[in-house]
Amino acid sequence: MQVKEAVSLAKRYIQEVFSDEKIDNIGLKEVEFDDKSNIWSITIGFSRPCDEGAGPFAAELAASGMVPRRRDNKVVRITDGDKRVISVKNRDLTSE
């Protein structure tokens, strides 16, 4: 599988898994291929609404239509041979 196909599979999987959370701004962060295990590790970033009750100004922002968006990054691991997603894990890019 080529890089573009692996990235497309990862993005599509994230869209499907998080579809009930109204995610948007889906974008590629990193791509890595492990030659020994034949596994792609693809970091995908996306935005989703914060919990409405969180934060001191949440009620005011919700009332104004300016709902804060939380940014998440997930590592999607895909086998190269059968193109199967084997895991989705959190990735904290703020500490790097």
C-alpha atoms as a PDB file:
ATOM      1  CA  MET A   1       0.000   0.000   0.000  1.00  0.00           C
ATOM      2  CA  GLN A   2       1.224   3.501  -0.762  1.00  0.00           C
ATOM      3  CA  VAL A   3       1.301   6.424   1.685  1.00  0.00           C
ATOM      4  CA  LYS A   4      -1.734   8.179   0.191  1.00  0.00           C
ATOM      5  CA  GLU A   5      -3.879   5.068   0.489  1.00  0.00           C
ATOM      6  CA  ALA A   6      -2.833   4.458   4.105  1.00  0.00           C
ATOM      7  CA  VAL A   7      -3.607   8.076   5.025  1.00  0.00           C
ATOM      8  CA  SER A   8      -6.975   7.911   3.285  1.00  0.00           C
ATOM      9  CA  LEU A   9      -7.881   4.711   5.159  1.00  0.00           C
ATOM     10  CA  ALA A  10      -6.871   6.267   8.495  1.00  0.00           C
ATOM     11  CA  LYS A  11      -8.907   9.436   7.893  1.00  0.00           C
ATOM     12  CA  ARG A  12     -11.957   7.477   6.777  1.00  0.00           C
ATOM     13  CA  TYR A  13     -11.715   5.215   9.835  1.00  0.00           C
ATOM     14  CA  ILE A  14     -11.498   8.201  12.211  1.00  0.00           C
ATOM     15  CA  GLN A  15     -14.525   9.799  10.526  1.00  0.00           C
ATOM     16  CA  GLU A  16     -16.533   6.601  10.974  1.00  0.00           C
ATOM     17  CA  VAL A  17     -15.501   5.835  14.555  1.00  0.00           C
ATOM     18  CA  PHE A  18     -16.099   9.387  15.818  1.00  0.00           C
ATOM     19  CA  SER A  19     -19.104  10.184  13.599  1.00  0.00           C
ATOM     20  CA  ASP A  20     -21.485  10.670  16.545  1.00  0.00           C
ATOM     21  CA  GLU A  21     -19.178  13.328  18.043  1.00  0.00           C
ATOM     22  CA  LYS A  22     -19.489  15.782  15.140  1.00  0.00           C
ATOM     23  CA  ILE A  23     -15.752  15.972  14.459  1.00  0.00           C
ATOM     24  CA  ASP A  24     -14.293  18.268  11.807  1.00  0.00           C
ATOM     25  CA  ASN A  25     -10.980  19.780  10.667  1.00  0.00           C
ATOM     26  CA  ILE A  26      -9.584  16.298  10.076  1.00  0.00           C
ATOM     27  CA  GLY A  27      -5.949  16.443   9.022  1.00  0.00           C
ATOM     28  CA  LEU A  28      -2.762  14.457   8.714  1.00  0.00           C
ATOM     29  CA  LYS A  29      -0.053  15.003  11.331  1.00  0.00           C
ATOM     30  CA  GLU A  30       2.477  12.180  10.824  1.00  0.00           C
ATOM     31  CA  VAL A  31       3.053   8.982   8.871  1.00  0.00           C
ATOM     32  CA  GLU A  32       5.414   6.168   9.776  1.00  0.00           C
ATOM     33  CA  PHE A  33       5.862   2.720   8.248  1.00  0.00           C
ATOM     34  CA  ASP A  34       7.553  -0.068  10.217  1.00  0.00           C
ATOM     35  CA  ASP A  35       9.386  -2.348   7.752  1.00  0.00           C
ATOM     36  CA  LYS A  36       9.760  -5.147  10.297  1.00  0.00           C
ATOM     37  CA  SER A  37       6.099  -5.450  11.279  1.00  0.00           C
ATOM     38  CA  ASN A  38       4.612  -4.046   8.036  1.00  0.00           C
ATOM     39  CA  ILE A  39       2.398  -1.685  10.032  1.00  0.00           C
ATOM     40  CA  TRP A  40       1.532   1.918   9.242  1.00  0.00           C
ATOM     41  CA  SER A  41       1.265   4.365  12.156  1.00  0.00           C
ATOM     42  CA  ILE A  42      -0.648   7.417  11.019  1.00  0.00           C
ATOM     43  CA  THR A  43      -1.371  10.354  13.320  1.00  0.00           C
ATOM     44  CA  ILE A  44      -4.619  12.136  12.474  1.00  0.00           C
ATOM     45  CA  GLY A  45      -5.718  15.365  14.152  1.00  0.00           C
ATOM     46  CA  PHE A  46      -9.301  16.589  14.390  1.00  0.00           C
ATOM     47  CA  SER A  47     -11.537  18.970  16.300  1.00  0.00           C
ATOM     48  CA  ARG A  48     -14.658  18.158  18.292  1.00  0.00           C
ATOM     49  CA  PRO A  49     -16.982  20.095  20.588  1.00  0.00           C
ATOM     50  CA  CYS A  50     -15.906  20.411  24.199  1.00  0.00           C
ATOM     51  CA  ASP A  51     -18.238  19.236  26.916  1.00  0.00           C
ATOM     52  CA  GLU A  52     -20.817  21.998  27.344  1.00  0.00           C
ATOM     53  CA  GLY A  53     -20.397  22.094  31.114  1.00  0.00           C
ATOM     54  CA  ALA A  54     -16.616  22.507  31.040  1.00  0.00           C
ATOM     55  CA  GLY A  55     -14.810  25.758  31.668  1.00  0.00           C
ATOM     56  CA  PRO A  56     -15.808  29.042  33.271  1.00  0.00           C
ATOM     57  CA  PHE A  57     -17.184  30.618  30.071  1.00  0.00           C
ATOM     58  CA  ALA A  58     -18.847  27.552  28.510  1.00  0.00           C
ATOM     59  CA  ALA A  59     -22.417  28.807  29.011  1.00  0.00           C
ATOM     60  CA  GLU A  60     -21.632  32.220  27.501  1.00  0.00           C
ATOM     61  CA  LEU A  61     -19.820  30.704  24.529  1.00  0.00           C
ATOM     62  CA  ALA A  62     -22.648  28.245  23.874  1.00  0.00           C
ATOM     63  CA  ALA A  63     -25.200  31.068  24.043  1.00  0.00           C
ATOM     64  CA  SER A  64     -23.191  33.157  21.581  1.00  0.00           C
ATOM     65  CA  GLY A  65     -22.830  30.274  19.143  1.00  0.00           C
ATOM     66  CA  MET A  66     -19.065  30.184  19.672  1.00  0.00           C
ATOM     67  CA  VAL A  67     -18.690  26.673  21.021  1.00  0.00           C
ATOM     68  CA  PRO A  68     -15.053  25.849  21.894  1.00  0.00           C
ATOM     69  CA  ARG A  69     -13.497  22.992  19.952  1.00  0.00           C
ATOM     70  CA  ARG A  70     -11.126  20.496  21.496  1.00  0.00           C
ATOM     71  CA  ARG A  71      -8.278  19.288  19.272  1.00  0.00           C
ATOM     72  CA  ASP A  72      -7.408  15.597  19.455  1.00  0.00           C
ATOM     73  CA  ASN A  73      -4.685  13.544  17.822  1.00  0.00           C
ATOM     74  CA  LYS A  74      -5.007   9.804  17.290  1.00  0.00           C
ATOM     75  CA  VAL A  75      -2.511   7.252  15.995  1.00  0.00           C
ATOM     76  CA  VAL A  76      -4.214   4.813  13.661  1.00  0.00           C
ATOM     77  CA  ARG A  77      -2.250   1.594  13.110  1.00  0.00           C
ATOM     78  CA  ILE A  78      -2.991  -0.283   9.868  1.00  0.00           C
ATOM     79  CA  THR A  79      -1.536  -3.568   8.616  1.00  0.00           C
ATOM     80  CA  ASP A  80      -0.001  -3.175   5.184  1.00  0.00           C
ATOM     81  CA  GLY A  81      -1.026  -6.553   3.754  1.00  0.00           C
ATOM     82  CA  ASP A  82      -4.746  -6.728   4.487  1.00  0.00           C
ATOM     83  CA  LYS A  83      -5.279  -2.996   5.191  1.00  0.00           C
ATOM     84  CA  ARG A  84      -6.893  -3.742   8.564  1.00  0.00           C
ATOM     85  CA  VAL A  85      -7.021  -1.142  11.342  1.00  0.00           C
ATOM     86  CA  ILE A  86      -5.544  -2.805  14.416  1.00  0.00           C
ATOM     87  CA  SER A  87      -5.601   0.083  16.898  1.00  0.00           C
ATOM     88  CA  VAL A  88      -6.423   3.722  17.552  1.00  0.00           C
ATOM     89  CA  LYS A  89      -4.539   5.418  20.376  1.00  0.00           C
ATOM     90  CA  ASN A  90      -4.314   8.901  21.825  1.00  0.00           C
ATOM     91  CA  ARG A  91      -1.300  10.995  20.857  1.00  0.00           C
ATOM     92  CA  ASP A  92      -0.284  14.058  22.855  1.00  0.00           C
ATOM     93  CA  LEU A  93       1.657  16.371  20.548  1.00  0.00           C
ATOM     94  CA  THR A  94       1.795  19.262  23.050  1.00  0.00           C
ATOM     95  CA  SER A  95       4.615  17.705  25.090  1.00  0.00           C
ATOM     96  CA  GLU A  96       6.917  17.241  22.086  1.00  0.00           C
END
